[in-house]
Amino acid sequence: MTHTRIAYVQARWHADIVDRALDGFSEIIPRAQIDVIDVPGAFEMPLMARDLAATGRYDAVVCAALVVDGGIYRHDFVASAVVDGLMRAGMDTGVPVLSVSLTPHHFQETDHHMAIYSEHFVTKGREAAHAALGILQARASLRSVAAA
């Protein structure tokens, strides 16, 4: 799949950590095949993902965010709305929409947590790249079988 084009949406909330997912992602998929789009936070990702998928320009859309549990109900609401919205964007457009949105329950802005989650996002970025390539290959195989 040398011509794969991916839209990569990343939230700017906790950008120092979230940006590490793109580092891992681009270890697997060449940076030249990735268009990076910044949005303010996780809540804005589903709308952007849907709009990007609807352009017909992208084979897949990947979204990355860190939704922090601040000890209030809003965390659960945002996390659920984001995941549901990303799934709906993919289902509505027929373009795979993948999530690298992590929702840790005990995140604190300490050096220890920053290091742990930064490295975890690199790993999750790699996993998202493999998942994107996997679903694109599976769908291409399905089209081949259906055409036969």
C-alpha atoms as a PDB file:
ATOM      1  CA  MET A   1       0.000   0.000   0.000  1.00  0.00           C
ATOM      2  CA  THR A   2       2.524   2.566  -1.117  1.00  0.00           C
ATOM      3  CA  HIS A   3      -0.083   5.214  -1.928  1.00  0.00           C
ATOM      4  CA  THR A   4      -1.904   5.152   1.398  1.00  0.00           C
ATOM      5  CA  ARG A   5      -2.924   8.617   2.586  1.00  0.00           C
ATOM      6  CA  ILE A   6      -3.778   9.115   6.265  1.00  0.00           C
ATOM      7  CA  ALA A   7      -5.332  12.110   7.995  1.00  0.00           C
ATOM      8  CA  TYR A   8      -3.896  12.335  11.490  1.00  0.00           C
ATOM      9  CA  VAL A   9      -5.870  14.515  13.896  1.00  0.00           C
ATOM     10  CA  GLN A  10      -4.222  15.441  17.179  1.00  0.00           C
ATOM     11  CA  ALA A  11      -5.631  17.336  20.122  1.00  0.00           C
ATOM     12  CA  ARG A  12      -3.563  20.208  21.479  1.00  0.00           C
ATOM     13  CA  TRP A  13      -4.620  19.612  25.069  1.00  0.00           C
ATOM     14  CA  HIS A  14      -1.545  17.965  26.656  1.00  0.00           C
ATOM     15  CA  ALA A  15       0.233  18.307  23.287  1.00  0.00           C
ATOM     16  CA  ASP A  16       3.615  17.468  24.813  1.00  0.00           C
ATOM     17  CA  ILE A  17       2.333  13.944  25.465  1.00  0.00           C
ATOM     18  CA  VAL A  18      -0.160  13.548  22.594  1.00  0.00           C
ATOM     19  CA  ASP A  19       2.491  14.468  19.994  1.00  0.00           C
ATOM     20  CA  ARG A  20       4.448  11.354  20.916  1.00  0.00           C
ATOM     21  CA  ALA A  21       1.778   9.200  19.268  1.00  0.00           C
ATOM     22  CA  LEU A  22       2.639  10.752  15.910  1.00  0.00           C
ATOM     23  CA  ASP A  23       6.282   9.849  16.557  1.00  0.00           C
ATOM     24  CA  GLY A  24       5.336   6.174  16.911  1.00  0.00           C
ATOM     25  CA  PHE A  25       2.808   6.298  14.076  1.00  0.00           C
ATOM     26  CA  SER A  26       5.328   7.721  11.628  1.00  0.00           C
ATOM     27  CA  GLU A  27       7.833   4.980  12.475  1.00  0.00           C
ATOM     28  CA  ILE A  28       5.451   2.628  10.636  1.00  0.00           C
ATOM     29  CA  ILE A  29       3.766   4.849   8.042  1.00  0.00           C
ATOM     30  CA  PRO A  30       6.042   7.331   6.243  1.00  0.00           C
ATOM     31  CA  ARG A  31       5.498  10.937   7.298  1.00  0.00           C
ATOM     32  CA  ALA A  32       5.050  11.913   3.635  1.00  0.00           C
ATOM     33  CA  GLN A  33       1.800   9.897   3.602  1.00  0.00           C
ATOM     34  CA  ILE A  34       0.374  11.626   6.690  1.00  0.00           C
ATOM     35  CA  ASP A  35      -1.474  14.954   6.819  1.00  0.00           C
ATOM     36  CA  VAL A  36      -1.479  16.293  10.387  1.00  0.00           C
ATOM     37  CA  ILE A  37      -4.413  18.379  11.542  1.00  0.00           C
ATOM     38  CA  ASP A  38      -4.485  20.037  14.968  1.00  0.00           C
ATOM     39  CA  VAL A  39      -7.691  20.535  16.944  1.00  0.00           C
ATOM     40  CA  PRO A  40      -8.118  22.177  20.350  1.00  0.00           C
ATOM     41  CA  GLY A  41      -9.093  19.052  22.281  1.00  0.00           C
ATOM     42  CA  ALA A  42     -10.548  15.563  22.106  1.00  0.00           C
ATOM     43  CA  PHE A  43     -14.127  16.760  21.892  1.00  0.00           C
ATOM     44  CA  GLU A  44     -13.434  18.401  18.527  1.00  0.00           C
ATOM     45  CA  MET A  45     -11.965  15.269  16.945  1.00  0.00           C
ATOM     46  CA  PRO A  46     -15.136  13.454  15.785  1.00  0.00           C
ATOM     47  CA  LEU A  47     -16.381  16.382  13.703  1.00  0.00           C
ATOM     48  CA  MET A  48     -12.958  16.904  12.126  1.00  0.00           C
ATOM     49  CA  ALA A  49     -12.595  13.153  11.512  1.00  0.00           C
ATOM     50  CA  ARG A  50     -15.961  13.035   9.751  1.00  0.00           C
ATOM     51  CA  ASP A  51     -15.169  16.076   7.634  1.00  0.00           C
ATOM     52  CA  LEU A  52     -11.754  14.711   6.626  1.00  0.00           C
ATOM     53  CA  ALA A  53     -13.134  11.256   5.840  1.00  0.00           C
ATOM     54  CA  ALA A  54     -15.899  12.785   3.715  1.00  0.00           C
ATOM     55  CA  THR A  55     -13.365  14.525   1.444  1.00  0.00           C
ATOM     56  CA  GLY A  56     -12.510  11.204  -0.217  1.00  0.00           C
ATOM     57  CA  ARG A  57      -8.819  12.132   0.000  1.00  0.00           C
ATOM     58  CA  TYR A  58      -7.928   9.782   2.864  1.00  0.00           C
ATOM     59  CA  ASP A  59      -7.789   6.023   3.197  1.00  0.00           C
ATOM     60  CA  ALA A  60      -8.079   6.328   6.968  1.00  0.00           C
ATOM     61  CA  VAL A  61      -8.302   8.938   9.710  1.00  0.00           C
ATOM     62  CA  VAL A  62      -6.439   8.527  12.994  1.00  0.00           C
ATOM     63  CA  CYS A  63      -7.190  10.684  16.040  1.00  0.00           C
ATOM     64  CA  ALA A  64      -5.006  11.162  19.124  1.00  0.00           C
ATOM     65  CA  ALA A  65      -5.861  12.776  22.449  1.00  0.00           C
ATOM     66  CA  LEU A  66      -5.362  12.509  26.182  1.00  0.00           C
ATOM     67  CA  VAL A  67      -8.593  12.867  28.151  1.00  0.00           C
ATOM     68  CA  VAL A  68      -7.611  13.397  31.768  1.00  0.00           C
ATOM     69  CA  ASP A  69      -9.747  12.350  34.721  1.00  0.00           C
ATOM     70  CA  GLY A  70      -9.979  15.494  36.774  1.00  0.00           C
ATOM     71  CA  GLY A  71     -12.172  13.796  39.358  1.00  0.00           C
ATOM     72  CA  ILE A  72     -15.438  15.049  37.898  1.00  0.00           C
ATOM     73  CA  TYR A  73     -18.083  13.464  35.712  1.00  0.00           C
ATOM     74  CA  ARG A  74     -16.999  15.471  32.653  1.00  0.00           C
ATOM     75  CA  HIS A  75     -14.108  13.046  32.005  1.00  0.00           C
ATOM     76  CA  ASP A  76     -16.444  10.103  31.436  1.00  0.00           C
ATOM     77  CA  PHE A  77     -18.784  12.210  29.312  1.00  0.00           C
ATOM     78  CA  VAL A  78     -15.986  13.491  27.067  1.00  0.00           C
ATOM     79  CA  ALA A  79     -14.322  10.083  26.682  1.00  0.00           C
ATOM     80  CA  SER A  80     -17.603   8.397  25.753  1.00  0.00           C
ATOM     81  CA  ALA A  81     -18.678  11.162  23.376  1.00  0.00           C
ATOM     82  CA  VAL A  82     -15.310  11.110  21.606  1.00  0.00           C
ATOM     83  CA  VAL A  83     -15.191   7.350  21.080  1.00  0.00           C
ATOM     84  CA  ASP A  84     -18.838   7.221  19.986  1.00  0.00           C
ATOM     85  CA  GLY A  85     -18.328  10.162  17.636  1.00  0.00           C
ATOM     86  CA  LEU A  86     -15.225   8.665  16.051  1.00  0.00           C
ATOM     87  CA  MET A  87     -17.011   5.364  15.478  1.00  0.00           C
ATOM     88  CA  ARG A  88     -19.971   7.152  13.937  1.00  0.00           C
ATOM     89  CA  ALA A  89     -17.663   9.195  11.667  1.00  0.00           C
ATOM     90  CA  GLY A  90     -16.212   5.971  10.297  1.00  0.00           C
ATOM     91  CA  MET A  91     -19.559   4.269   9.930  1.00  0.00           C
ATOM     92  CA  ASP A  92     -21.179   7.289   8.255  1.00  0.00           C
ATOM     93  CA  THR A  93     -18.374   7.805   5.732  1.00  0.00           C
ATOM     94  CA  GLY A  94     -17.113   4.265   5.176  1.00  0.00           C
ATOM     95  CA  VAL A  95     -13.570   5.425   5.931  1.00  0.00           C
ATOM     96  CA  PRO A  96     -11.777   3.738   8.848  1.00  0.00           C
ATOM     97  CA  VAL A  97     -11.458   6.120  11.801  1.00  0.00           C
ATOM     98  CA  LEU A  98      -9.069   4.950  14.500  1.00  0.00           C
ATOM     99  CA  SER A  99      -8.492   6.295  17.983  1.00  0.00           C
ATOM    100  CA  VAL A 100      -5.321   6.812  19.982  1.00  0.00           C
ATOM    101  CA  SER A 101      -7.364   8.509  22.689  1.00  0.00           C
ATOM    102  CA  LEU A 102      -6.255   7.513  26.145  1.00  0.00           C
ATOM    103  CA  THR A 103      -8.252   8.226  29.285  1.00  0.00           C
ATOM    104  CA  PRO A 104      -6.066   7.541  32.329  1.00  0.00           C
ATOM    105  CA  HIS A 105      -7.834   7.650  35.681  1.00  0.00           C
ATOM    106  CA  HIS A 106      -4.844   8.741  37.731  1.00  0.00           C
ATOM    107  CA  PHE A 107      -2.881  11.196  35.602  1.00  0.00           C
ATOM    108  CA  GLN A 108      -0.984  13.963  37.353  1.00  0.00           C
ATOM    109  CA  GLU A 109       1.382  16.422  35.724  1.00  0.00           C
ATOM    110  CA  THR A 110       4.435  15.041  37.478  1.00  0.00           C
ATOM    111  CA  ASP A 111       7.692  14.159  35.736  1.00  0.00           C
ATOM    112  CA  HIS A 112       6.967  10.487  36.433  1.00  0.00           C
ATOM    113  CA  HIS A 113       3.510  10.477  34.817  1.00  0.00           C
ATOM    114  CA  MET A 114       4.642  12.697  31.945  1.00  0.00           C
ATOM    115  CA  ALA A 115       7.407  10.199  31.119  1.00  0.00           C
ATOM    116  CA  ILE A 116       5.145   7.149  31.439  1.00  0.00           C
ATOM    117  CA  TYR A 117       2.352   8.541  29.265  1.00  0.00           C
ATOM    118  CA  SER A 118       4.737  10.052  26.714  1.00  0.00           C
ATOM    119  CA  GLU A 119       6.296   6.643  26.122  1.00  0.00           C
ATOM    120  CA  HIS A 120       2.884   4.959  26.168  1.00  0.00           C
ATOM    121  CA  PHE A 121       1.700   7.299  23.406  1.00  0.00           C
ATOM    122  CA  VAL A 122       4.667   6.295  21.227  1.00  0.00           C
ATOM    123  CA  THR A 123       3.607   2.659  21.625  1.00  0.00           C
ATOM    124  CA  LYS A 124      -0.037   3.495  20.947  1.00  0.00           C
ATOM    125  CA  GLY A 125       0.969   5.424  17.832  1.00  0.00           C
ATOM    126  CA  ARG A 126       2.772   2.358  16.483  1.00  0.00           C
ATOM    127  CA  GLU A 127      -0.246   0.192  17.309  1.00  0.00           C
ATOM    128  CA  ALA A 128      -2.578   2.627  15.530  1.00  0.00           C
ATOM    129  CA  ALA A 129      -0.388   2.551  12.417  1.00  0.00           C
ATOM    130  CA  HIS A 130      -0.466  -1.249  12.357  1.00  0.00           C
ATOM    131  CA  ALA A 131      -4.243  -1.185  12.911  1.00  0.00           C
ATOM    132  CA  ALA A 132      -4.733   1.321  10.084  1.00  0.00           C
ATOM    133  CA  LEU A 133      -2.682  -0.756   7.671  1.00  0.00           C
ATOM    134  CA  GLY A 134      -4.454  -3.915   8.857  1.00  0.00           C
ATOM    135  CA  ILE A 135      -7.983  -2.628   8.294  1.00  0.00           C
ATOM    136  CA  LEU A 136      -7.005  -1.169   4.909  1.00  0.00           C
ATOM    137  CA  GLN A 137      -5.534  -4.504   3.836  1.00  0.00           C
ATOM    138  CA  ALA A 138      -8.557  -6.441   5.132  1.00  0.00           C
ATOM    139  CA  ARG A 139     -10.933  -4.157   3.223  1.00  0.00           C
ATOM    140  CA  ALA A 140      -8.826  -4.459   0.055  1.00  0.00           C
ATOM    141  CA  SER A 141      -8.965  -8.269   0.393  1.00  0.00           C
ATOM    142  CA  LEU A 142     -12.725  -8.121   0.830  1.00  0.00           C
ATOM    143  CA  ARG A 143     -13.057  -6.050  -2.339  1.00  0.00           C
ATOM    144  CA  SER A 144     -10.887  -8.566  -4.210  1.00  0.00           C
ATOM    145  CA  VAL A 145     -13.037 -11.481  -3.039  1.00  0.00           C
ATOM    146  CA  ALA A 146     -16.235  -9.644  -3.892  1.00  0.00           C
ATOM    147  CA  ALA A 147     -14.936  -8.809  -7.391  1.00  0.00           C
ATOM    148  CA  ALA A 148     -13.990 -12.427  -8.113  1.00  0.00           C
END
